[in-house]
Amino acid sequence: MKTSSLRAYQNKAPSLGNNIYVDESAVLVGDISLADDVSIWPLVAARGDVNTIKIGARTNIQDGTVLHVTRKSNQHPNGYPLVIGDDVTVGHKCMLHGCILGDRILVGMGAIIMDGATVESDVFIGAGALVPPNKTLASGYLYVGNPVKQIRPLTEAESAFLKLSALNYVELKNDYLST
């Protein structure tokens, strides 16, 4: 991994857990923490410049995704950090902005999750979905659409796949690290 992918901003630099992969074309700036076994794939842009970004263990952020935050203000004294839990799969070209994601979530390709939104654990978000500001997605459901709507409870197989998806990316990341 080339260190030019990791950049400090105002004396805050990304902190990295063990056994992580950051593609050399990705850019991570500022107050960002990656837990163990995280993978950041090509062309990801993550700016923890005006607030923090935290990414949990075994989470993968796929190609072309944008991660950002919202600064602190009088209306929002804490601003909106970006917090992503463990075992989360974020599909290609997503935008996550100042939101909170629990554990074992799959965010479909091209989905957008806005400021103040909370996605509880064990959730599927369909490709192209828009999660509006301050919306909460309850655990155990499939959500699709623009704006996002709860469609149905997850099946047992879908729930099991959430963890499996993350583990598949840990394995792929390990392959990349070994070459």
N, C-alpha and C. Protein backbone atom coordinates (compact mmCIF):
# COMPACT_ATOMS: atom_id res chain seq x y z
N MET A 1 0.85 -1.18 0.00
CA MET A 1 0.00 0.00 0.00
C MET A 1 0.89 1.24 0.00
N LYS A 2 0.58 2.18 -0.85
CA LYS A 2 1.34 3.42 -0.89
C LYS A 2 0.75 4.38 0.13
N THR A 3 1.62 5.06 0.86
CA THR A 3 1.14 5.97 1.91
C THR A 3 0.50 7.23 1.34
N SER A 4 0.68 7.50 0.04
CA SER A 4 0.03 8.68 -0.54
C SER A 4 -1.49 8.54 -0.53
N SER A 5 -2.00 7.31 -0.35
CA SER A 5 -3.44 7.09 -0.22
C SER A 5 -3.97 7.62 1.11
N LEU A 6 -3.07 7.75 2.09
CA LEU A 6 -3.45 8.17 3.44
C LEU A 6 -2.88 9.55 3.70
N ARG A 7 -3.76 10.51 3.98
CA ARG A 7 -3.31 11.89 4.12
C ARG A 7 -3.80 12.49 5.43
N ALA A 8 -2.93 13.23 6.07
CA ALA A 8 -3.31 13.95 7.28
C ALA A 8 -4.02 15.24 6.90
N TYR A 9 -4.88 15.68 7.82
CA TYR A 9 -5.53 16.99 7.68
C TYR A 9 -5.58 17.59 9.09
N GLN A 10 -5.02 18.79 9.25
CA GLN A 10 -4.95 19.47 10.54
C GLN A 10 -4.47 18.53 11.65
N ASN A 11 -3.35 17.88 11.37
CA ASN A 11 -2.67 16.97 12.31
C ASN A 11 -3.47 15.74 12.68
N LYS A 12 -4.49 15.40 11.92
CA LYS A 12 -5.23 14.16 12.14
C LYS A 12 -5.05 13.29 10.90
N ALA A 13 -4.56 12.08 11.14
CA ALA A 13 -4.28 11.16 10.04
C ALA A 13 -5.06 9.87 10.24
N PRO A 14 -5.35 9.17 9.16
CA PRO A 14 -6.05 7.89 9.30
C PRO A 14 -5.28 6.93 10.22
N SER A 15 -6.02 6.20 11.06
CA SER A 15 -5.41 5.16 11.89
C SER A 15 -5.91 3.81 11.40
N LEU A 16 -5.00 2.86 11.35
CA LEU A 16 -5.27 1.59 10.70
C LEU A 16 -5.17 0.44 11.68
N GLY A 17 -6.16 -0.45 11.64
CA GLY A 17 -6.11 -1.68 12.40
C GLY A 17 -5.16 -2.66 11.75
N ASN A 18 -5.24 -3.89 12.17
CA ASN A 18 -4.38 -4.95 11.66
C ASN A 18 -4.96 -5.58 10.40
N ASN A 19 -4.06 -5.97 9.51
CA ASN A 19 -4.42 -6.76 8.34
C ASN A 19 -5.48 -6.07 7.47
N ILE A 20 -5.26 -4.79 7.20
CA ILE A 20 -6.20 -4.04 6.37
C ILE A 20 -5.63 -3.88 4.96
N TYR A 21 -6.53 -3.59 4.02
CA TYR A 21 -6.13 -3.33 2.64
C TYR A 21 -6.73 -2.00 2.22
N VAL A 22 -5.88 -1.09 1.75
CA VAL A 22 -6.33 0.16 1.14
C VAL A 22 -5.71 0.22 -0.24
N ASP A 23 -6.54 0.18 -1.27
CA ASP A 23 -6.04 0.24 -2.63
C ASP A 23 -5.28 1.55 -2.84
N GLU A 24 -4.23 1.48 -3.64
CA GLU A 24 -3.40 2.67 -3.85
C GLU A 24 -4.15 3.80 -4.57
N SER A 25 -5.25 3.51 -5.23
CA SER A 25 -6.03 4.57 -5.89
C SER A 25 -7.07 5.20 -4.97
N ALA A 26 -7.27 4.63 -3.80
CA ALA A 26 -8.20 5.21 -2.82
C ALA A 26 -7.52 6.37 -2.12
N VAL A 27 -8.32 7.30 -1.58
CA VAL A 27 -7.79 8.43 -0.83
C VAL A 27 -8.55 8.53 0.48
N LEU A 28 -7.81 8.48 1.59
CA LEU A 28 -8.38 8.62 2.94
C LEU A 28 -7.71 9.81 3.59
N VAL A 29 -8.50 10.82 3.98
CA VAL A 29 -7.96 12.07 4.50
C VAL A 29 -8.54 12.34 5.89
N GLY A 30 -7.66 12.65 6.84
CA GLY A 30 -8.10 13.16 8.13
C GLY A 30 -8.40 12.11 9.18
N ASP A 31 -9.41 12.41 9.98
CA ASP A 31 -9.74 11.65 11.20
C ASP A 31 -10.58 10.43 10.84
N ILE A 32 -9.89 9.39 10.39
CA ILE A 32 -10.53 8.15 9.93
C ILE A 32 -9.89 7.00 10.69
N SER A 33 -10.71 6.11 11.23
CA SER A 33 -10.15 4.91 11.86
C SER A 33 -10.72 3.67 11.20
N LEU A 34 -9.82 2.75 10.87
CA LEU A 34 -10.19 1.48 10.26
C LEU A 34 -9.87 0.38 11.27
N ALA A 35 -10.85 -0.45 11.59
CA ALA A 35 -10.64 -1.58 12.48
C ALA A 35 -9.95 -2.71 11.71
N ASP A 36 -9.72 -3.82 12.38
CA ASP A 36 -9.03 -4.96 11.78
C ASP A 36 -9.80 -5.54 10.60
N ASP A 37 -9.05 -5.99 9.59
CA ASP A 37 -9.57 -6.70 8.42
C ASP A 37 -10.48 -5.87 7.53
N VAL A 38 -10.39 -4.56 7.59
CA VAL A 38 -11.16 -3.68 6.70
C VAL A 38 -10.51 -3.69 5.33
N SER A 39 -11.34 -3.58 4.29
CA SER A 39 -10.80 -3.41 2.94
C SER A 39 -11.44 -2.19 2.28
N ILE A 40 -10.57 -1.38 1.67
CA ILE A 40 -10.96 -0.16 0.96
C ILE A 40 -10.51 -0.37 -0.49
N TRP A 41 -11.45 -0.42 -1.41
CA TRP A 41 -11.18 -0.83 -2.79
C TRP A 41 -10.92 0.38 -3.70
N PRO A 42 -10.63 0.15 -4.99
CA PRO A 42 -10.20 1.23 -5.87
C PRO A 42 -11.18 2.42 -5.92
N LEU A 43 -10.58 3.59 -5.95
CA LEU A 43 -11.26 4.87 -6.18
C LEU A 43 -12.22 5.28 -5.07
N VAL A 44 -12.08 4.72 -3.89
CA VAL A 44 -12.86 5.19 -2.74
C VAL A 44 -12.28 6.52 -2.31
N ALA A 45 -13.16 7.48 -1.99
CA ALA A 45 -12.75 8.77 -1.44
C ALA A 45 -13.41 8.91 -0.07
N ALA A 46 -12.59 9.09 0.96
CA ALA A 46 -13.09 9.24 2.33
C ALA A 46 -12.44 10.47 2.95
N ARG A 47 -13.29 11.44 3.35
CA ARG A 47 -12.77 12.67 3.94
C ARG A 47 -13.29 12.83 5.36
N GLY A 48 -12.41 12.59 6.31
CA GLY A 48 -12.71 12.85 7.71
C GLY A 48 -12.09 14.17 8.10
N ASP A 49 -12.45 15.21 7.39
CA ASP A 49 -11.83 16.51 7.59
C ASP A 49 -12.55 17.37 8.62
N VAL A 50 -13.88 17.40 8.59
CA VAL A 50 -14.63 18.26 9.51
C VAL A 50 -15.37 17.46 10.58
N ASN A 51 -15.18 16.15 10.59
CA ASN A 51 -15.75 15.26 11.61
C ASN A 51 -15.05 13.91 11.42
N THR A 52 -15.47 12.91 12.16
CA THR A 52 -14.77 11.62 12.16
C THR A 52 -15.47 10.57 11.31
N ILE A 53 -14.67 9.64 10.82
CA ILE A 53 -15.17 8.44 10.14
C ILE A 53 -14.60 7.24 10.88
N LYS A 54 -15.48 6.31 11.27
CA LYS A 54 -15.06 5.08 11.93
C LYS A 54 -15.63 3.90 11.16
N ILE A 55 -14.77 2.96 10.80
CA ILE A 55 -15.17 1.79 10.02
C ILE A 55 -14.82 0.54 10.82
N GLY A 56 -15.83 -0.30 11.07
CA GLY A 56 -15.68 -1.47 11.93
C GLY A 56 -15.01 -2.66 11.26
N ALA A 57 -14.73 -3.65 12.07
CA ALA A 57 -13.98 -4.84 11.66
C ALA A 57 -14.68 -5.59 10.53
N ARG A 58 -13.86 -6.08 9.60
CA ARG A 58 -14.30 -6.93 8.49
C ARG A 58 -15.25 -6.22 7.53
N THR A 59 -15.30 -4.92 7.59
CA THR A 59 -16.15 -4.14 6.68
C THR A 59 -15.40 -3.88 5.39
N ASN A 60 -16.13 -3.89 4.27
CA ASN A 60 -15.52 -3.60 2.98
C ASN A 60 -16.25 -2.44 2.32
N ILE A 61 -15.45 -1.52 1.77
CA ILE A 61 -15.96 -0.34 1.08
C ILE A 61 -15.52 -0.49 -0.37
N GLN A 62 -16.50 -0.70 -1.25
CA GLN A 62 -16.17 -1.07 -2.63
C GLN A 62 -15.97 0.13 -3.54
N ASP A 63 -15.50 -0.17 -4.72
CA ASP A 63 -15.01 0.75 -5.73
C ASP A 63 -15.91 1.97 -5.94
N GLY A 64 -15.27 3.14 -5.93
CA GLY A 64 -15.95 4.38 -6.29
C GLY A 64 -16.87 4.96 -5.23
N THR A 65 -16.85 4.41 -4.03
CA THR A 65 -17.72 4.91 -2.96
C THR A 65 -17.15 6.19 -2.37
N VAL A 66 -18.04 7.10 -1.97
CA VAL A 66 -17.67 8.35 -1.32
C VAL A 66 -18.15 8.31 0.13
N LEU A 67 -17.23 8.57 1.06
CA LEU A 67 -17.55 8.63 2.49
C LEU A 67 -17.24 10.03 2.97
N HIS A 68 -18.22 10.68 3.61
CA HIS A 68 -17.99 12.04 4.12
C HIS A 68 -18.83 12.30 5.35
N VAL A 69 -18.65 13.47 5.92
CA VAL A 69 -19.22 13.85 7.22
C VAL A 69 -19.73 15.28 7.15
N THR A 70 -20.41 15.71 8.23
CA THR A 70 -20.88 17.09 8.32
C THR A 70 -20.30 17.75 9.56
N ARG A 71 -19.88 18.97 9.40
CA ARG A 71 -19.22 19.70 10.49
C ARG A 71 -20.18 20.03 11.63
N LYS A 72 -19.61 20.34 12.77
CA LYS A 72 -20.37 20.77 13.93
C LYS A 72 -20.91 22.17 13.67
N SER A 73 -22.12 22.43 14.18
CA SER A 73 -22.74 23.75 13.97
C SER A 73 -23.66 24.04 15.14
N ASN A 74 -24.23 25.25 15.16
CA ASN A 74 -25.19 25.59 16.21
C ASN A 74 -26.41 24.68 16.17
N GLN A 75 -26.87 24.34 14.96
CA GLN A 75 -28.03 23.47 14.81
C GLN A 75 -27.71 22.03 15.18
N HIS A 76 -26.47 21.61 14.93
CA HIS A 76 -26.04 20.23 15.18
C HIS A 76 -24.67 20.27 15.87
N PRO A 77 -24.69 20.43 17.21
CA PRO A 77 -23.43 20.63 17.95
C PRO A 77 -22.39 19.53 17.74
N ASN A 78 -22.82 18.31 17.46
CA ASN A 78 -21.87 17.22 17.21
C ASN A 78 -21.64 17.01 15.72
N GLY A 79 -22.31 17.78 14.89
CA GLY A 79 -22.24 17.54 13.45
C GLY A 79 -22.79 16.16 13.17
N TYR A 80 -22.36 15.59 12.06
CA TYR A 80 -22.73 14.22 11.72
C TYR A 80 -21.48 13.45 11.33
N PRO A 81 -20.93 12.66 12.27
CA PRO A 81 -19.83 11.78 11.89
C PRO A 81 -20.38 10.64 11.05
N LEU A 82 -19.49 9.87 10.47
CA LEU A 82 -19.87 8.66 9.74
C LEU A 82 -19.36 7.48 10.54
N VAL A 83 -20.28 6.62 10.96
CA VAL A 83 -19.93 5.44 11.76
C VAL A 83 -20.49 4.22 11.05
N ILE A 84 -19.59 3.30 10.71
CA ILE A 84 -19.97 2.06 10.03
C ILE A 84 -19.54 0.91 10.91
N GLY A 85 -20.46 0.00 11.20
CA GLY A 85 -20.20 -1.10 12.12
C GLY A 85 -19.36 -2.21 11.53
N ASP A 86 -19.44 -3.37 12.18
CA ASP A 86 -18.69 -4.56 11.78
C ASP A 86 -19.45 -5.35 10.72
N ASP A 87 -18.69 -6.02 9.85
CA ASP A 87 -19.26 -6.96 8.87
C ASP A 87 -20.25 -6.28 7.92
N VAL A 88 -19.91 -5.07 7.49
CA VAL A 88 -20.75 -4.31 6.56
C VAL A 88 -20.14 -4.39 5.17
N THR A 89 -20.98 -4.62 4.18
CA THR A 89 -20.58 -4.60 2.78
C THR A 89 -21.22 -3.37 2.13
N VAL A 90 -20.37 -2.45 1.67
CA VAL A 90 -20.84 -1.24 0.99
C VAL A 90 -20.52 -1.42 -0.48
N GLY A 91 -21.55 -1.55 -1.30
CA GLY A 91 -21.39 -1.83 -2.72
C GLY A 91 -20.74 -0.69 -3.49
N HIS A 92 -20.50 -0.95 -4.77
CA HIS A 92 -19.83 -0.01 -5.65
C HIS A 92 -20.62 1.29 -5.78
N LYS A 93 -19.89 2.40 -5.82
CA LYS A 93 -20.42 3.75 -6.11
C LYS A 93 -21.52 4.19 -5.15
N CYS A 94 -21.39 3.85 -3.88
CA CYS A 94 -22.34 4.35 -2.89
C CYS A 94 -21.87 5.70 -2.36
N MET A 95 -22.79 6.42 -1.71
CA MET A 95 -22.44 7.64 -1.01
C MET A 95 -23.01 7.56 0.39
N LEU A 96 -22.12 7.59 1.38
CA LEU A 96 -22.52 7.57 2.79
C LEU A 96 -22.08 8.90 3.38
N HIS A 97 -23.03 9.68 3.89
CA HIS A 97 -22.73 11.04 4.34
C HIS A 97 -23.29 11.26 5.73
N GLY A 98 -22.42 11.29 6.72
CA GLY A 98 -22.82 11.65 8.08
C GLY A 98 -23.93 10.77 8.64
N CYS A 99 -23.82 9.48 8.46
CA CYS A 99 -24.86 8.55 8.90
C CYS A 99 -24.24 7.49 9.81
N ILE A 100 -25.11 6.68 10.41
CA ILE A 100 -24.66 5.61 11.30
C ILE A 100 -25.21 4.29 10.77
N LEU A 101 -24.31 3.34 10.57
CA LEU A 101 -24.68 2.00 10.13
C LEU A 101 -24.28 1.01 11.21
N GLY A 102 -25.19 0.11 11.57
CA GLY A 102 -24.90 -0.93 12.54
C GLY A 102 -24.05 -2.02 11.94
N ASP A 103 -24.23 -3.25 12.43
CA ASP A 103 -23.45 -4.40 12.00
C ASP A 103 -24.24 -5.25 11.01
N ARG A 104 -23.50 -6.01 10.18
CA ARG A 104 -24.10 -6.97 9.24
C ARG A 104 -25.16 -6.29 8.36
N ILE A 105 -24.67 -5.38 7.55
CA ILE A 105 -25.52 -4.63 6.61
C ILE A 105 -24.94 -4.79 5.22
N LEU A 106 -25.81 -4.89 4.23
CA LEU A 106 -25.39 -4.82 2.84
C LEU A 106 -26.03 -3.59 2.23
N VAL A 107 -25.17 -2.68 1.74
CA VAL A 107 -25.62 -1.46 1.07
C VAL A 107 -25.43 -1.69 -0.42
N GLY A 108 -26.52 -1.79 -1.17
CA GLY A 108 -26.46 -2.09 -2.59
C GLY A 108 -25.78 -1.00 -3.40
N MET A 109 -25.33 -1.39 -4.58
CA MET A 109 -24.60 -0.48 -5.47
C MET A 109 -25.38 0.80 -5.72
N GLY A 110 -24.66 1.92 -5.64
CA GLY A 110 -25.24 3.22 -5.96
C GLY A 110 -26.19 3.78 -4.92
N ALA A 111 -26.31 3.15 -3.77
CA ALA A 111 -27.20 3.66 -2.73
C ALA A 111 -26.61 4.93 -2.12
N ILE A 112 -27.50 5.79 -1.61
CA ILE A 112 -27.11 7.03 -0.95
C ILE A 112 -27.77 7.04 0.42
N ILE A 113 -26.97 7.28 1.45
CA ILE A 113 -27.48 7.37 2.82
C ILE A 113 -27.06 8.73 3.36
N MET A 114 -28.04 9.54 3.75
CA MET A 114 -27.82 10.95 4.06
C MET A 114 -27.60 11.22 5.55
N ASP A 115 -27.29 12.49 5.84
CA ASP A 115 -26.98 12.97 7.20
C ASP A 115 -28.05 12.57 8.21
N GLY A 116 -27.57 12.09 9.34
CA GLY A 116 -28.46 11.79 10.46
C GLY A 116 -29.24 10.51 10.31
N ALA A 117 -29.12 9.82 9.19
CA ALA A 117 -29.82 8.54 9.02
C ALA A 117 -29.13 7.49 9.88
N THR A 118 -29.94 6.55 10.39
CA THR A 118 -29.43 5.42 11.17
C THR A 118 -29.95 4.14 10.54
N VAL A 119 -29.03 3.23 10.27
CA VAL A 119 -29.39 1.91 9.76
C VAL A 119 -29.04 0.91 10.86
N GLU A 120 -30.06 0.29 11.43
CA GLU A 120 -29.81 -0.67 12.48
C GLU A 120 -29.15 -1.92 11.89
N SER A 121 -28.70 -2.83 12.74
CA SER A 121 -28.00 -4.04 12.30
C SER A 121 -28.92 -4.97 11.52
N ASP A 122 -28.29 -5.83 10.69
CA ASP A 122 -29.00 -6.88 9.95
C ASP A 122 -30.03 -6.31 8.98
N VAL A 123 -29.52 -5.52 8.03
CA VAL A 123 -30.38 -4.84 7.05
C VAL A 123 -29.78 -5.00 5.66
N PHE A 124 -30.65 -5.21 4.66
CA PHE A 124 -30.30 -5.14 3.24
C PHE A 124 -30.87 -3.84 2.70
N ILE A 125 -30.03 -3.06 2.00
CA ILE A 125 -30.49 -1.85 1.31
C ILE A 125 -30.25 -2.10 -0.18
N GLY A 126 -31.30 -2.03 -0.98
CA GLY A 126 -31.21 -2.33 -2.40
C GLY A 126 -30.40 -1.32 -3.17
N ALA A 127 -29.92 -1.75 -4.33
CA ALA A 127 -29.15 -0.90 -5.23
C ALA A 127 -29.95 0.34 -5.59
N GLY A 128 -29.29 1.49 -5.60
CA GLY A 128 -29.91 2.74 -6.01
C GLY A 128 -30.85 3.36 -4.99
N ALA A 129 -30.95 2.80 -3.80
CA ALA A 129 -31.86 3.33 -2.78
C ALA A 129 -31.36 4.68 -2.27
N LEU A 130 -32.30 5.52 -1.84
CA LEU A 130 -31.98 6.79 -1.20
C LEU A 130 -32.57 6.77 0.21
N VAL A 131 -31.70 6.84 1.20
CA VAL A 131 -32.13 6.93 2.59
C VAL A 131 -32.07 8.40 2.97
N PRO A 132 -33.24 9.04 3.18
CA PRO A 132 -33.26 10.48 3.45
C PRO A 132 -32.65 10.85 4.80
N PRO A 133 -32.35 12.13 4.99
CA PRO A 133 -31.79 12.58 6.26
C PRO A 133 -32.68 12.18 7.45
N ASN A 134 -32.03 11.78 8.53
CA ASN A 134 -32.67 11.48 9.81
C ASN A 134 -33.62 10.29 9.81
N LYS A 135 -33.63 9.51 8.75
CA LYS A 135 -34.48 8.31 8.68
C LYS A 135 -33.80 7.16 9.43
N THR A 136 -34.59 6.33 10.10
CA THR A 136 -34.08 5.13 10.75
C THR A 136 -34.63 3.90 10.04
N LEU A 137 -33.72 2.98 9.68
CA LEU A 137 -34.12 1.71 9.07
C LEU A 137 -34.01 0.63 10.15
N ALA A 138 -35.13 0.01 10.46
CA ALA A 138 -35.19 -0.98 11.54
C ALA A 138 -34.49 -2.28 11.14
N SER A 139 -33.96 -2.95 12.11
CA SER A 139 -33.23 -4.21 11.94
C SER A 139 -34.12 -5.30 11.35
N GLY A 140 -33.50 -6.12 10.48
CA GLY A 140 -34.15 -7.33 10.01
C GLY A 140 -34.99 -7.21 8.75
N TYR A 141 -34.81 -6.14 7.97
CA TYR A 141 -35.67 -5.91 6.80
C TYR A 141 -34.86 -5.62 5.54
N LEU A 142 -35.54 -5.80 4.41
CA LEU A 142 -35.07 -5.37 3.11
C LEU A 142 -35.71 -4.02 2.82
N TYR A 143 -34.87 -3.07 2.36
CA TYR A 143 -35.34 -1.72 2.00
C TYR A 143 -34.91 -1.43 0.57
N VAL A 144 -35.82 -0.85 -0.23
CA VAL A 144 -35.49 -0.45 -1.60
C VAL A 144 -36.19 0.87 -1.92
N GLY A 145 -35.75 1.51 -2.98
CA GLY A 145 -36.47 2.66 -3.53
C GLY A 145 -35.87 4.01 -3.23
N ASN A 146 -36.51 5.02 -3.86
CA ASN A 146 -36.10 6.41 -3.75
C ASN A 146 -37.33 7.28 -3.60
N PRO A 147 -37.69 7.66 -2.35
CA PRO A 147 -36.99 7.38 -1.10
C PRO A 147 -37.21 5.92 -0.68
N VAL A 148 -36.31 5.45 0.19
CA VAL A 148 -36.30 4.06 0.60
C VAL A 148 -37.60 3.69 1.34
N LYS A 149 -38.06 2.45 1.09
CA LYS A 149 -39.25 1.92 1.77
C LYS A 149 -38.93 0.52 2.29
N GLN A 150 -39.49 0.20 3.44
CA GLN A 150 -39.36 -1.15 3.99
C GLN A 150 -40.23 -2.09 3.18
N ILE A 151 -39.64 -3.18 2.66
CA ILE A 151 -40.35 -4.08 1.77
C ILE A 151 -40.85 -5.33 2.49
N ARG A 152 -39.94 -6.02 3.22
CA ARG A 152 -40.32 -7.27 3.89
C ARG A 152 -39.22 -7.68 4.85
N PRO A 153 -39.54 -8.60 5.77
CA PRO A 153 -38.48 -9.12 6.64
C PRO A 153 -37.47 -9.92 5.82
N LEU A 154 -36.23 -9.95 6.29
CA LEU A 154 -35.21 -10.76 5.65
C LEU A 154 -35.49 -12.23 5.91
N THR A 155 -35.16 -13.07 4.93
CA THR A 155 -35.25 -14.51 5.12
C THR A 155 -34.04 -14.96 5.95
N GLU A 156 -34.07 -16.18 6.44
CA GLU A 156 -32.92 -16.72 7.18
C GLU A 156 -31.68 -16.75 6.30
N ALA A 157 -31.85 -17.13 5.05
CA ALA A 157 -30.72 -17.19 4.12
C ALA A 157 -30.12 -15.79 3.89
N GLU A 158 -30.96 -14.79 3.74
CA GLU A 158 -30.46 -13.42 3.56
C GLU A 158 -29.73 -12.93 4.79
N SER A 159 -30.28 -13.21 5.95
CA SER A 159 -29.61 -12.81 7.19
C SER A 159 -28.23 -13.46 7.31
N ALA A 160 -28.14 -14.74 6.98
CA ALA A 160 -26.86 -15.45 7.03
C ALA A 160 -25.89 -14.87 6.02
N PHE A 161 -26.40 -14.46 4.85
CA PHE A 161 -25.54 -13.92 3.79
C PHE A 161 -24.85 -12.62 4.21
N LEU A 162 -25.46 -11.84 5.08
CA LEU A 162 -24.86 -10.57 5.48
C LEU A 162 -23.46 -10.78 6.06
N LYS A 163 -23.32 -11.74 6.94
CA LYS A 163 -22.00 -12.05 7.53
C LYS A 163 -21.10 -12.70 6.49
N LEU A 164 -21.66 -13.61 5.69
CA LEU A 164 -20.89 -14.30 4.66
C LEU A 164 -20.30 -13.33 3.65
N SER A 165 -21.07 -12.31 3.26
CA SER A 165 -20.58 -11.32 2.31
C SER A 165 -19.33 -10.63 2.85
N ALA A 166 -19.38 -10.24 4.11
CA ALA A 166 -18.21 -9.58 4.72
C ALA A 166 -17.02 -10.53 4.76
N LEU A 167 -17.26 -11.78 5.13
CA LEU A 167 -16.17 -12.76 5.20
C LEU A 167 -15.57 -13.05 3.82
N ASN A 168 -16.41 -13.04 2.78
CA ASN A 168 -15.90 -13.21 1.42
C ASN A 168 -14.92 -12.09 1.07
N TYR A 169 -15.22 -10.87 1.49
CA TYR A 169 -14.33 -9.76 1.20
C TYR A 169 -13.07 -9.79 2.06
N VAL A 170 -13.15 -10.35 3.26
CA VAL A 170 -11.93 -10.55 4.06
C VAL A 170 -11.01 -11.51 3.32
N GLU A 171 -11.57 -12.58 2.78
CA GLU A 171 -10.77 -13.55 2.04
C GLU A 171 -10.15 -12.91 0.79
N LEU A 172 -10.94 -12.13 0.04
CA LEU A 172 -10.42 -11.46 -1.15
C LEU A 172 -9.32 -10.47 -0.77
N LYS A 173 -9.55 -9.72 0.29
CA LYS A 173 -8.55 -8.78 0.76
C LYS A 173 -7.25 -9.49 1.10
N ASN A 174 -7.36 -10.63 1.76
CA ASN A 174 -6.16 -11.41 2.11
C ASN A 174 -5.42 -11.88 0.87
N ASP A 175 -6.17 -12.24 -0.18
CA ASP A 175 -5.53 -12.59 -1.45
C ASP A 175 -4.75 -11.42 -2.02
N TYR A 176 -5.35 -10.23 -1.98
CA TYR A 176 -4.66 -9.04 -2.49
C TYR A 176 -3.41 -8.74 -1.66
N LEU A 177 -3.50 -8.89 -0.36
CA LEU A 177 -2.35 -8.61 0.51
C LEU A 177 -1.21 -9.60 0.30
N SER A 178 -1.53 -10.81 -0.15
CA SER A 178 -0.50 -11.82 -0.31
C SER A 178 0.21 -11.76 -1.66
N THR A 179 -0.29 -10.92 -2.59
CA THR A 179 0.35 -10.86 -3.91
C THR A 179 1.34 -9.71 -4.00
